[in-house]
PDB file of N, CA and C in Angstrom:
ATOM      1  N   MET A   1      16.878  51.742 136.533  1.00  0.00           N
ATOM      2  CA  MET A   1      15.978  52.724 135.942  1.00  0.00           C
ATOM      3  C   MET A   1      16.700  53.582 134.903  1.00  0.00           C
ATOM      4  N   LYS A   2      18.010  53.469 134.830  1.00  0.00           N
ATOM      5  CA  LYS A   2      18.774  54.277 133.879  1.00  0.00           C
ATOM      6  C   LYS A   2      18.836  53.665 132.492  1.00  0.00           C
ATOM      7  N   ASN A   3      18.613  52.368 132.373  1.00  0.00           N
ATOM      8  CA  ASN A   3      18.686  51.697 131.083  1.00  0.00           C
ATOM      9  C   ASN A   3      17.271  51.412 130.582  1.00  0.00           C
ATOM     10  N   GLN A   4      16.881  52.099 129.520  1.00  0.00           N
ATOM     11  CA  GLN A   4      15.511  51.992 129.028  1.00  0.00           C
ATOM     12  C   GLN A   4      15.181  50.599 128.497  1.00  0.00           C
ATOM     13  N   GLU A   5      16.157  49.894 127.924  1.00  0.00           N
ATOM     14  CA  GLU A   5      15.920  48.532 127.451  1.00  0.00           C
ATOM     15  C   GLU A   5      15.524  47.637 128.626  1.00  0.00           C
ATOM     16  N   ALA A   6      16.239  47.773 129.728  1.00  0.00           N
ATOM     17  CA  ALA A   6      15.946  46.966 130.913  1.00  0.00           C
ATOM     18  C   ALA A   6      14.579  47.325 131.483  1.00  0.00           C
ATOM     19  N   VAL A   7      14.259  48.597 131.552  1.00  0.00           N
ATOM     20  CA  VAL A   7      12.962  49.035 132.083  1.00  0.00           C
ATOM     21  C   VAL A   7      11.826  48.517 131.209  1.00  0.00           C
ATOM     22  N   ARG A   8      11.985  48.594 129.893  1.00  0.00           N
ATOM     23  CA  ARG A   8      10.953  48.071 128.978  1.00  0.00           C
ATOM     24  C   ARG A   8      10.768  46.571 129.190  1.00  0.00           C
ATOM     25  N   TYR A   9      11.883  45.841 129.315  1.00  0.00           N
ATOM     26  CA  TYR A   9      11.805  44.404 129.531  1.00  0.00           C
ATOM     27  C   TYR A   9      11.052  44.098 130.831  1.00  0.00           C
ATOM     28  N   LEU A  10      11.436  44.756 131.907  1.00  0.00           N
ATOM     29  CA  LEU A  10      10.787  44.501 133.196  1.00  0.00           C
ATOM     30  C   LEU A  10       9.313  44.881 133.167  1.00  0.00           C
ATOM     31  N   ASN A  11       8.989  46.004 132.549  1.00  0.00           N
ATOM     32  CA  ASN A  11       7.584  46.402 132.435  1.00  0.00           C
ATOM     33  C   ASN A  11       6.792  45.388 131.624  1.00  0.00           C
ATOM     34  N   SER A  12       7.412  44.813 130.573  1.00  0.00           N
ATOM     35  CA  SER A  12       6.713  43.814 129.767  1.00  0.00           C
ATOM     36  C   SER A  12       6.443  42.543 130.569  1.00  0.00           C
ATOM     37  N   ARG A  13       7.202  42.333 131.641  1.00  0.00           N
ATOM     38  CA  ARG A  13       7.017  41.176 132.512  1.00  0.00           C
ATOM     39  C   ARG A  13       6.141  41.514 133.726  1.00  0.00           C
ATOM     40  N   GLY A  14       5.575  42.724 133.725  1.00  0.00           N
ATOM     41  CA  GLY A  14       4.675  43.127 134.809  1.00  0.00           C
ATOM     42  C   GLY A  14       5.377  43.620 136.060  1.00  0.00           C
ATOM     43  N   ILE A  15       6.645  43.989 135.944  1.00  0.00           N
ATOM     44  CA  ILE A  15       7.406  44.468 137.099  1.00  0.00           C
ATOM     45  C   ILE A  15       7.424  45.985 137.066  1.00  0.00           C
ATOM     46  N   SER A  16       6.908  46.590 138.108  1.00  0.00           N
ATOM     47  CA  SER A  16       6.742  48.039 138.174  1.00  0.00           C
ATOM     48  C   SER A  16       8.033  48.748 138.576  1.00  0.00           C
ATOM     49  N   ALA A  17       8.046  50.062 138.377  1.00  0.00           N
ATOM     50  CA  ALA A  17       9.193  50.870 138.799  1.00  0.00           C
ATOM     51  C   ALA A  17       9.392  50.761 140.305  1.00  0.00           C
ATOM     52  N   GLU A  18       8.310  50.676 141.064  1.00  0.00           N
ATOM     53  CA  GLU A  18       8.430  50.538 142.513  1.00  0.00           C
ATOM     54  C   GLU A  18       9.104  49.208 142.879  1.00  0.00           C
ATOM     55  N   ALA A  19       8.726  48.130 142.215  1.00  0.00           N
ATOM     56  CA  ALA A  19       9.344  46.827 142.481  1.00  0.00           C
ATOM     57  C   ALA A  19      10.821  46.842 142.097  1.00  0.00           C
ATOM     58  N   ILE A  20      11.153  47.508 141.011  1.00  0.00           N
ATOM     59  CA  ILE A  20      12.561  47.633 140.602  1.00  0.00           C
ATOM     60  C   ILE A  20      13.359  48.298 141.714  1.00  0.00           C
ATOM     61  N   ARG A  21      12.801  49.343 142.293  1.00  0.00           N
ATOM     62  CA  ARG A  21      13.471  50.085 143.362  1.00  0.00           C
ATOM     63  C   ARG A  21      13.535  49.273 144.650  1.00  0.00           C
ATOM     64  N   VAL A  22      12.414  48.720 145.079  1.00  0.00           N
ATOM     65  CA  VAL A  22      12.339  47.999 146.346  1.00  0.00           C
ATOM     66  C   VAL A  22      13.242  46.762 146.338  1.00  0.00           C
ATOM     67  N   PHE A  23      13.225  46.016 145.249  1.00  0.00           N
ATOM     68  CA  PHE A  23      14.011  44.786 145.178  1.00  0.00           C
ATOM     69  C   PHE A  23      15.416  45.003 144.622  1.00  0.00           C
ATOM     70  N   ARG A  24      15.755  46.266 144.358  1.00  0.00           N
ATOM     71  CA  ARG A  24      17.103  46.677 143.944  1.00  0.00           C
ATOM     72  C   ARG A  24      17.587  45.911 142.719  1.00  0.00           C
ATOM     73  N   LEU A  25      16.721  45.839 141.710  1.00  0.00           N
ATOM     74  CA  LEU A  25      17.073  45.153 140.474  1.00  0.00           C
ATOM     75  C   LEU A  25      18.080  45.997 139.707  1.00  0.00           C
ATOM     76  N   GLY A  26      18.917  45.338 138.948  1.00  0.00           N
ATOM     77  CA  GLY A  26      19.934  46.043 138.188  1.00  0.00           C
ATOM     78  C   GLY A  26      20.010  45.536 136.764  1.00  0.00           C
ATOM     79  N   TYR A  27      20.882  46.157 135.999  1.00  0.00           N
ATOM     80  CA  TYR A  27      21.094  45.766 134.613  1.00  0.00           C
ATOM     81  C   TYR A  27      22.601  45.791 134.341  1.00  0.00           C
ATOM     82  N   VAL A  28      23.087  44.756 133.698  1.00  0.00           N
ATOM     83  CA  VAL A  28      24.518  44.650 133.398  1.00  0.00           C
ATOM     84  C   VAL A  28      24.753  45.177 131.983  1.00  0.00           C
ATOM     85  N   ASP A  29      25.378  46.352 131.908  1.00  0.00           N
ATOM     86  CA  ASP A  29      25.590  46.989 130.611  1.00  0.00           C
ATOM     87  C   ASP A  29      27.046  46.980 130.154  1.00  0.00           C
ATOM     88  N   GLY A  30      27.926  46.329 130.911  1.00  0.00           N
ATOM     89  CA  GLY A  30      29.325  46.215 130.514  1.00  0.00           C
ATOM     90  C   GLY A  30      30.229  47.330 130.989  1.00  0.00           C
ATOM     91  N   THR A  31      29.716  48.251 131.804  1.00  0.00           N
ATOM     92  CA  THR A  31      30.530  49.382 132.234  1.00  0.00           C
ATOM     93  C   THR A  31      31.141  49.217 133.629  1.00  0.00           C
ATOM     94  N   LEU A  32      30.736  48.203 134.365  1.00  0.00           N
ATOM     95  CA  LEU A  32      31.225  48.034 135.737  1.00  0.00           C
ATOM     96  C   LEU A  32      32.738  47.866 135.787  1.00  0.00           C
ATOM     97  N   ARG A  33      33.280  47.059 134.910  1.00  0.00           N
ATOM     98  CA  ARG A  33      34.724  46.782 134.952  1.00  0.00           C
ATOM     99  C   ARG A  33      35.567  48.035 134.787  1.00  0.00           C
ATOM    100  N   ASP A  34      35.039  49.040 134.094  1.00  0.00           N
ATOM    101  CA  ASP A  34      35.785  50.287 133.882  1.00  0.00           C
ATOM    102  C   ASP A  34      35.804  51.169 135.130  1.00  0.00           C
ATOM    103  N   LYS A  35      34.978  50.833 136.109  1.00  0.00           N
ATOM    104  CA  LYS A  35      34.861  51.648 137.319  1.00  0.00           C
ATOM    105  C   LYS A  35      35.620  51.058 138.500  1.00  0.00           C
ATOM    106  N   LEU A  36      36.312  49.936 138.282  1.00  0.00           N
ATOM    107  CA  LEU A  36      36.943  49.210 139.374  1.00  0.00           C
ATOM    108  C   LEU A  36      38.459  49.330 139.361  1.00  0.00           C
ATOM    109  N   ASN A  37      39.049  49.270 140.556  1.00  0.00           N
ATOM    110  CA  ASN A  37      40.497  49.171 140.660  1.00  0.00           C
ATOM    111  C   ASN A  37      40.885  47.696 140.499  1.00  0.00           C
ATOM    112  N   PRO A  38      42.160  47.375 140.392  1.00  0.00           N
ATOM    113  CA  PRO A  38      42.571  45.977 140.197  1.00  0.00           C
ATOM    114  C   PRO A  38      42.064  45.019 141.282  1.00  0.00           C
ATOM    115  N   ASP A  39      42.026  45.454 142.538  1.00  0.00           N
ATOM    116  CA  ASP A  39      41.512  44.586 143.604  1.00  0.00           C
ATOM    117  C   ASP A  39      40.029  44.295 143.402  1.00  0.00           C
ATOM    118  N   GLY A  40      39.269  45.315 143.017  1.00  0.00           N
ATOM    119  CA  GLY A  40      37.847  45.120 142.768  1.00  0.00           C
ATOM    120  C   GLY A  40      37.610  44.156 141.624  1.00  0.00           C
ATOM    121  N   LYS A  41      38.404  44.288 140.560  1.00  0.00           N
ATOM    122  CA  LYS A  41      38.288  43.367 139.424  1.00  0.00           C
ATOM    123  C   LYS A  41      38.616  41.945 139.850  1.00  0.00           C
ATOM    124  N   ALA A  42      39.667  41.779 140.638  1.00  0.00           N
ATOM    125  CA  ALA A  42      40.054  40.446 141.104  1.00  0.00           C
ATOM    126  C   ALA A  42      38.945  39.823 141.942  1.00  0.00           C
ATOM    127  N   ASN A  43      38.315  40.627 142.801  1.00  0.00           N
ATOM    128  CA  ASN A  43      37.207  40.115 143.627  1.00  0.00           C
ATOM    129  C   ASN A  43      36.025  39.695 142.773  1.00  0.00           C
ATOM    130  N   LEU A  44      35.700  40.476 141.758  1.00  0.00           N
ATOM    131  CA  LEU A  44      34.570  40.123 140.894  1.00  0.00           C
ATOM    132  C   LEU A  44      34.878  38.904 140.032  1.00  0.00           C
ATOM    133  N   GLU A  45      36.130  38.739 139.642  1.00  0.00           N
ATOM    134  CA  GLU A  45      36.518  37.523 138.921  1.00  0.00           C
ATOM    135  C   GLU A  45      36.366  36.311 139.836  1.00  0.00           C
ATOM    136  N   ARG A  46      36.798  36.438 141.087  1.00  0.00           N
ATOM    137  CA  ARG A  46      36.694  35.338 142.046  1.00  0.00           C
ATOM    138  C   ARG A  46      35.238  34.944 142.269  1.00  0.00           C
ATOM    139  N   LEU A  47      34.342  35.923 142.289  1.00  0.00           N
ATOM    140  CA  LEU A  47      32.918  35.650 142.494  1.00  0.00           C
ATOM    141  C   LEU A  47      32.225  35.141 141.228  1.00  0.00           C
ATOM    142  N   GLY A  48      32.870  35.303 140.091  1.00  0.00           N
ATOM    143  CA  GLY A  48      32.276  34.859 138.834  1.00  0.00           C
ATOM    144  C   GLY A  48      31.510  35.944 138.102  1.00  0.00           C
ATOM    145  N   LEU A  49      31.641  37.187 138.535  1.00  0.00           N
ATOM    146  CA  LEU A  49      30.941  38.279 137.863  1.00  0.00           C
ATOM    147  C   LEU A  49      31.711  38.809 136.661  1.00  0.00           C
ATOM    148  N   LEU A  50      33.009  38.572 136.644  1.00  0.00           N
ATOM    149  CA  LEU A  50      33.834  38.877 135.474  1.00  0.00           C
ATOM    150  C   LEU A  50      34.460  37.571 135.005  1.00  0.00           C
ATOM    151  N   ASN A  51      34.525  37.373 133.689  1.00  0.00           N
ATOM    152  CA  ASN A  51      35.151  36.160 133.165  1.00  0.00           C
ATOM    153  C   ASN A  51      36.661  36.356 133.023  1.00  0.00           C
ATOM    154  N   GLU A  52      37.342  35.354 132.495  1.00  0.00           N
ATOM    155  CA  GLU A  52      38.805  35.394 132.392  1.00  0.00           C
ATOM    156  C   GLU A  52      39.299  36.520 131.484  1.00  0.00           C
ATOM    157  N   LYS A  53      38.444  37.013 130.597  1.00  0.00           N
ATOM    158  CA  LYS A  53      38.816  38.137 129.726  1.00  0.00           C
ATOM    159  C   LYS A  53      38.474  39.485 130.362  1.00  0.00           C
ATOM    160  N   GLY A  54      37.844  39.452 131.539  1.00  0.00           N
ATOM    161  CA  GLY A  54      37.471  40.688 132.217  1.00  0.00           C
ATOM    162  C   GLY A  54      36.110  41.216 131.831  1.00  0.00           C
ATOM    163  N   ASN A  55      35.341  40.439 131.057  1.00  0.00           N
ATOM    164  CA  ASN A  55      33.998  40.862 130.649  1.00  0.00           C
ATOM    165  C   ASN A  55      32.970  40.430 131.687  1.00  0.00           C
ATOM    166  N   GLU A  56      31.905  41.183 131.784  1.00  0.00           N
ATOM    167  CA  GLU A  56      30.842  40.871 132.729  1.00  0.00           C
ATOM    168  C   GLU A  56      30.055  39.652 132.254  1.00  0.00           C
ATOM    169  N   THR A  57      29.966  38.629 133.118  1.00  0.00           N
ATOM    170  CA  THR A  57      29.342  37.367 132.727  1.00  0.00           C
ATOM    171  C   THR A  57      27.837  37.486 132.526  1.00  0.00           C
ATOM    172  N   MET A  58      27.219  38.468 133.119  1.00  0.00           N
ATOM    173  CA  MET A  58      25.771  38.613 133.003  1.00  0.00           C
ATOM    174  C   MET A  58      25.396  39.763 132.070  1.00  0.00           C
ATOM    175  N   TYR A  59      26.299  40.090 131.150  1.00  0.00           N
ATOM    176  CA  TYR A  59      26.093  41.207 130.229  1.00  0.00           C
ATOM    177  C   TYR A  59      24.753  41.078 129.493  1.00  0.00           C
ATOM    178  N   GLY A  60      24.040  42.192 129.402  1.00  0.00           N
ATOM    179  CA  GLY A  60      22.768  42.223 128.690  1.00  0.00           C
ATOM    180  C   GLY A  60      21.612  41.644 129.478  1.00  0.00           C
ATOM    181  N   SER A  61      21.806  41.524 130.791  1.00  0.00           N
ATOM    182  CA  SER A  61      20.791  40.886 131.635  1.00  0.00           C
ATOM    183  C   SER A  61      20.316  41.800 132.753  1.00  0.00           C
ATOM    184  N   VAL A  62      19.067  41.588 133.119  1.00  0.00           N
ATOM    185  CA  VAL A  62      18.519  42.186 134.328  1.00  0.00           C
ATOM    186  C   VAL A  62      18.936  41.278 135.479  1.00  0.00           C
ATOM    187  N   VAL A  63      19.401  41.859 136.576  1.00  0.00           N
ATOM    188  CA  VAL A  63      19.924  41.081 137.694  1.00  0.00           C
ATOM    189  C   VAL A  63      19.024  41.252 138.912  1.00  0.00           C
ATOM    190  N   PHE A  64      18.687  40.105 139.511  1.00  0.00           N
ATOM    191  CA  PHE A  64      17.854  40.052 140.703  1.00  0.00           C
ATOM    192  C   PHE A  64      18.723  39.579 141.870  1.00  0.00           C
ATOM    193  N   PRO A  65      18.948  40.410 142.874  1.00  0.00           N
ATOM    194  CA  PRO A  65      19.700  39.924 144.032  1.00  0.00           C
ATOM    195  C   PRO A  65      18.857  38.919 144.814  1.00  0.00           C
ATOM    196  N   LEU A  66      19.478  37.830 145.239  1.00  0.00           N
ATOM    197  CA  LEU A  66      18.804  36.825 146.062  1.00  0.00           C
ATOM    198  C   LEU A  66      19.209  37.105 147.500  1.00  0.00           C
ATOM    199  N   VAL A  67      18.248  37.540 148.295  1.00  0.00           N
ATOM    200  CA  VAL A  67      18.516  38.023 149.647  1.00  0.00           C
ATOM    201  C   VAL A  67      17.980  37.035 150.671  1.00  0.00           C
ATOM    202  N   ASP A  68      18.828  36.695 151.629  1.00  0.00           N
ATOM    203  CA  ASP A  68      18.421  35.836 152.735  1.00  0.00           C
ATOM    204  C   ASP A  68      17.490  36.621 153.649  1.00  0.00           C
ATOM    205  N   ALA A  69      16.298  36.091 153.891  1.00  0.00           N
ATOM    206  CA  ALA A  69      15.294  36.790 154.693  1.00  0.00           C
ATOM    207  C   ALA A  69      15.727  36.982 156.138  1.00  0.00           C
ATOM    208  N   ASN A  70      16.528  36.074 156.666  1.00  0.00           N
ATOM    209  CA  ASN A  70      16.940  36.179 158.063  1.00  0.00           C
ATOM    210  C   ASN A  70      18.040  37.213 158.289  1.00  0.00           C
ATOM    211  N   SER A  71      19.001  37.262 157.390  1.00  0.00           N
ATOM    212  CA  SER A  71      20.144  38.159 157.585  1.00  0.00           C
ATOM    213  C   SER A  71      20.073  39.422 156.733  1.00  0.00           C
ATOM    214  N   ASN A  72      19.172  39.444 155.753  1.00  0.00           N
ATOM    215  CA  ASN A  72      19.046  40.552 154.801  1.00  0.00           C
ATOM    216  C   ASN A  72      20.322  40.735 153.973  1.00  0.00           C
ATOM    217  N   ARG A  73      21.108  39.660 153.835  1.00  0.00           N
ATOM    218  CA  ARG A  73      22.339  39.685 153.047  1.00  0.00           C
ATOM    219  C   ARG A  73      22.079  39.099 151.670  1.00  0.00           C
ATOM    220  N   CYS A  74      22.740  39.656 150.682  1.00  0.00           N
ATOM    221  CA  CYS A  74      22.671  39.098 149.334  1.00  0.00           C
ATOM    222  C   CYS A  74      23.493  37.808 149.326  1.00  0.00           C
ATOM    223  N   VAL A  75      22.852  36.694 148.966  1.00  0.00           N
ATOM    224  CA  VAL A  75      23.514  35.394 148.974  1.00  0.00           C
ATOM    225  C   VAL A  75      23.733  34.846 147.561  1.00  0.00           C
ATOM    226  N   GLY A  76      23.269  35.568 146.569  1.00  0.00           N
ATOM    227  CA  GLY A  76      23.446  35.133 145.202  1.00  0.00           C
ATOM    228  C   GLY A  76      22.806  36.112 144.238  1.00  0.00           C
ATOM    229  N   LEU A  77      22.977  35.838 142.970  1.00  0.00           N
ATOM    230  CA  LEU A  77      22.377  36.662 141.927  1.00  0.00           C
ATOM    231  C   LEU A  77      21.735  35.759 140.890  1.00  0.00           C
ATOM    232  N   TYR A  78      20.595  36.206 140.399  1.00  0.00           N
ATOM    233  CA  TYR A  78      19.920  35.553 139.286  1.00  0.00           C
ATOM    234  C   TYR A  78      19.804  36.606 138.196  1.00  0.00           C
ATOM    235  N   ALA A  79      20.082  36.220 136.976  1.00  0.00           N
ATOM    236  CA  ALA A  79      19.990  37.166 135.868  1.00  0.00           C
ATOM    237  C   ALA A  79      19.139  36.582 134.752  1.00  0.00           C
ATOM    238  N   ARG A  80      18.421  37.449 134.103  1.00  0.00           N
ATOM    239  CA  ARG A  80      17.583  37.074 132.961  1.00  0.00           C
ATOM    240  C   ARG A  80      17.969  37.978 131.802  1.00  0.00           C
ATOM    241  N   HIS A  81      18.436  37.361 130.704  1.00  0.00           N
ATOM    242  CA  HIS A  81      18.844  38.128 129.536  1.00  0.00           C
ATOM    243  C   HIS A  81      17.627  38.802 128.927  1.00  0.00           C
ATOM    244  N   THR A  82      17.801  40.028 128.451  1.00  0.00           N
ATOM    245  CA  THR A  82      16.657  40.773 127.911  1.00  0.00           C
ATOM    246  C   THR A  82      16.357  40.459 126.454  1.00  0.00           C
ATOM    247  N   ASP A  83      17.310  39.865 125.723  1.00  0.00           N
ATOM    248  CA  ASP A  83      17.106  39.607 124.296  1.00  0.00           C
ATOM    249  C   ASP A  83      16.936  38.147 123.930  1.00  0.00           C
ATOM    250  N   LYS A  84      17.353  37.251 124.790  1.00  0.00           N
ATOM    251  CA  LYS A  84      17.255  35.830 124.472  1.00  0.00           C
ATOM    252  C   LYS A  84      16.798  35.062 125.704  1.00  0.00           C
ATOM    253  N   PRO A  85      16.239  33.881 125.512  1.00  0.00           N
ATOM    254  CA  PRO A  85      15.721  33.111 126.655  1.00  0.00           C
ATOM    255  C   PRO A  85      16.861  32.461 127.448  1.00  0.00           C
ATOM    256  N   GLN A  86      17.562  33.287 128.217  1.00  0.00           N
ATOM    257  CA  GLN A  86      18.725  32.795 128.948  1.00  0.00           C
ATOM    258  C   GLN A  86      18.615  33.204 130.421  1.00  0.00           C
ATOM    259  N   HIS A  87      18.771  32.216 131.298  1.00  0.00           N
ATOM    260  CA  HIS A  87      18.814  32.440 132.733  1.00  0.00           C
ATOM    261  C   HIS A  87      20.247  32.229 133.185  1.00  0.00           C
ATOM    262  N   LEU A  88      20.759  33.091 134.043  1.00  0.00           N
ATOM    263  CA  LEU A  88      22.137  32.974 134.512  1.00  0.00           C
ATOM    264  C   LEU A  88      22.169  33.019 136.039  1.00  0.00           C
ATOM    265  N   TYR A  89      23.043  32.214 136.612  1.00  0.00           N
ATOM    266  CA  TYR A  89      23.282  32.211 138.046  1.00  0.00           C
ATOM    267  C   TYR A  89      24.779  32.298 138.269  1.00  0.00           C
ATOM    268  N   LEU A  90      25.183  32.769 139.430  1.00  0.00           N
ATOM    269  CA  LEU A  90      26.583  32.682 139.804  1.00  0.00           C
ATOM    270  C   LEU A  90      26.918  31.230 140.085  1.00  0.00           C
ATOM    271  N   ALA A  91      28.171  30.875 139.930  1.00  0.00           N
ATOM    272  CA  ALA A  91      28.612  29.517 140.237  1.00  0.00           C
ATOM    273  C   ALA A  91      28.381  29.231 141.717  1.00  0.00           C
ATOM    274  N   GLY A  92      28.166  27.977 142.037  1.00  0.00           N
ATOM    275  CA  GLY A  92      27.957  27.583 143.427  1.00  0.00           C
ATOM    276  C   GLY A  92      26.533  27.144 143.668  1.00  0.00           C
ATOM    277  N   LYS A  93      26.184  27.026 144.912  1.00  0.00           N
ATOM    278  CA  LYS A  93      24.854  26.574 145.315  1.00  0.00           C
ATOM    279  C   LYS A  93      23.784  27.527 144.799  1.00  0.00           C
ATOM    280  N   ARG A  94      22.808  26.962 144.124  1.00  0.00           N
ATOM    281  CA  ARG A  94      21.703  27.795 143.642  1.00  0.00           C
ATOM    282  C   ARG A  94      20.676  27.957 144.733  1.00  0.00           C
ATOM    283  N   ARG A  95      20.162  29.152 144.828  1.00  0.00           N
ATOM    284  CA  ARG A  95      19.114  29.458 145.803  1.00  0.00           C
ATOM    285  C   ARG A  95      17.991  30.146 145.066  1.00  0.00           C
ATOM    286  N   GLY A  96      16.796  29.889 145.490  1.00  0.00           N
ATOM    287  CA  GLY A  96      15.643  30.529 144.891  1.00  0.00           C
ATOM    288  C   GLY A  96      15.152  31.660 145.765  1.00  0.00           C
ATOM    289  N   VAL A  97      14.084  32.251 145.339  1.00  0.00           N
ATOM    290  CA  VAL A  97      13.438  33.293 146.114  1.00  0.00           C
ATOM    291  C   VAL A  97      12.251  32.643 146.813  1.00  0.00           C
ATOM    292  N   GLN A  98      12.141  32.870 148.090  1.00  0.00           N
ATOM    293  CA  GLN A  98      11.081  32.228 148.872  1.00  0.00           C
ATOM    294  C   GLN A  98      10.428  33.275 149.757  1.00  0.00           C
ATOM    295  N   SER A  99       9.125  33.277 149.773  1.00  0.00           N
ATOM    296  CA  SER A  99       8.395  34.206 150.626  1.00  0.00           C
ATOM    297  C   SER A  99       8.548  33.796 152.083  1.00  0.00           C
ATOM    298  N   VAL A 100       8.575  34.780 152.951  1.00  0.00           N
ATOM    299  CA  VAL A 100       8.630  34.500 154.378  1.00  0.00           C
ATOM    300  C   VAL A 100       7.356  33.752 154.764  1.00  0.00           C
ATOM    301  N   GLY A 101       7.512  32.668 155.515  1.00  0.00           N
ATOM    302  CA  GLY A 101       6.359  31.903 155.955  1.00  0.00           C
ATOM    303  C   GLY A 101       5.904  30.848 154.984  1.00  0.00           C
ATOM    304  N   SER A 102       6.647  30.639 153.892  1.00  0.00           N
ATOM    305  CA  SER A 102       6.209  29.638 152.908  1.00  0.00           C
ATOM    306  C   SER A 102       7.007  28.347 153.030  1.00  0.00           C
ATOM    307  N   GLU A 103       7.761  28.163 154.112  1.00  0.00           N
ATOM    308  CA  GLU A 103       8.511  26.929 154.287  1.00  0.00           C
ATOM    309  C   GLU A 103       7.541  25.750 154.271  1.00  0.00           C
ATOM    310  N   GLY A 104       7.984  24.701 153.581  1.00  0.00           N
ATOM    311  CA  GLY A 104       7.170  23.503 153.512  1.00  0.00           C
ATOM    312  C   GLY A 104       6.092  23.537 152.464  1.00  0.00           C
ATOM    313  N   SER A 105       5.958  24.638 151.714  1.00  0.00           N
ATOM    314  CA  SER A 105       4.938  24.675 150.678  1.00  0.00           C
ATOM    315  C   SER A 105       5.485  24.182 149.375  1.00  0.00           C
TER     316      SER A 105
END
């Protein structure tokens, strides 16, 4: 909600401020790396959130946490760039978002 470009993008896609809050959507503006200690940076590089130059791989994107319904744990991230038609995922097994009770549909 702090980045107006991200809020405008989400609103243009029909996503309300309440949905942004409830689903804990975020925006990658390039400032995260400046807030981390060396261990934090190393962990984010290992996860693929920072590239080899230390830049955020999902820069300029709205980020959707992919949460496992059974454990309520974040199991991945999906990002959608706000300026270009680009979808980004973390490396590894891709997971989608699935409604509870929709197995087999």
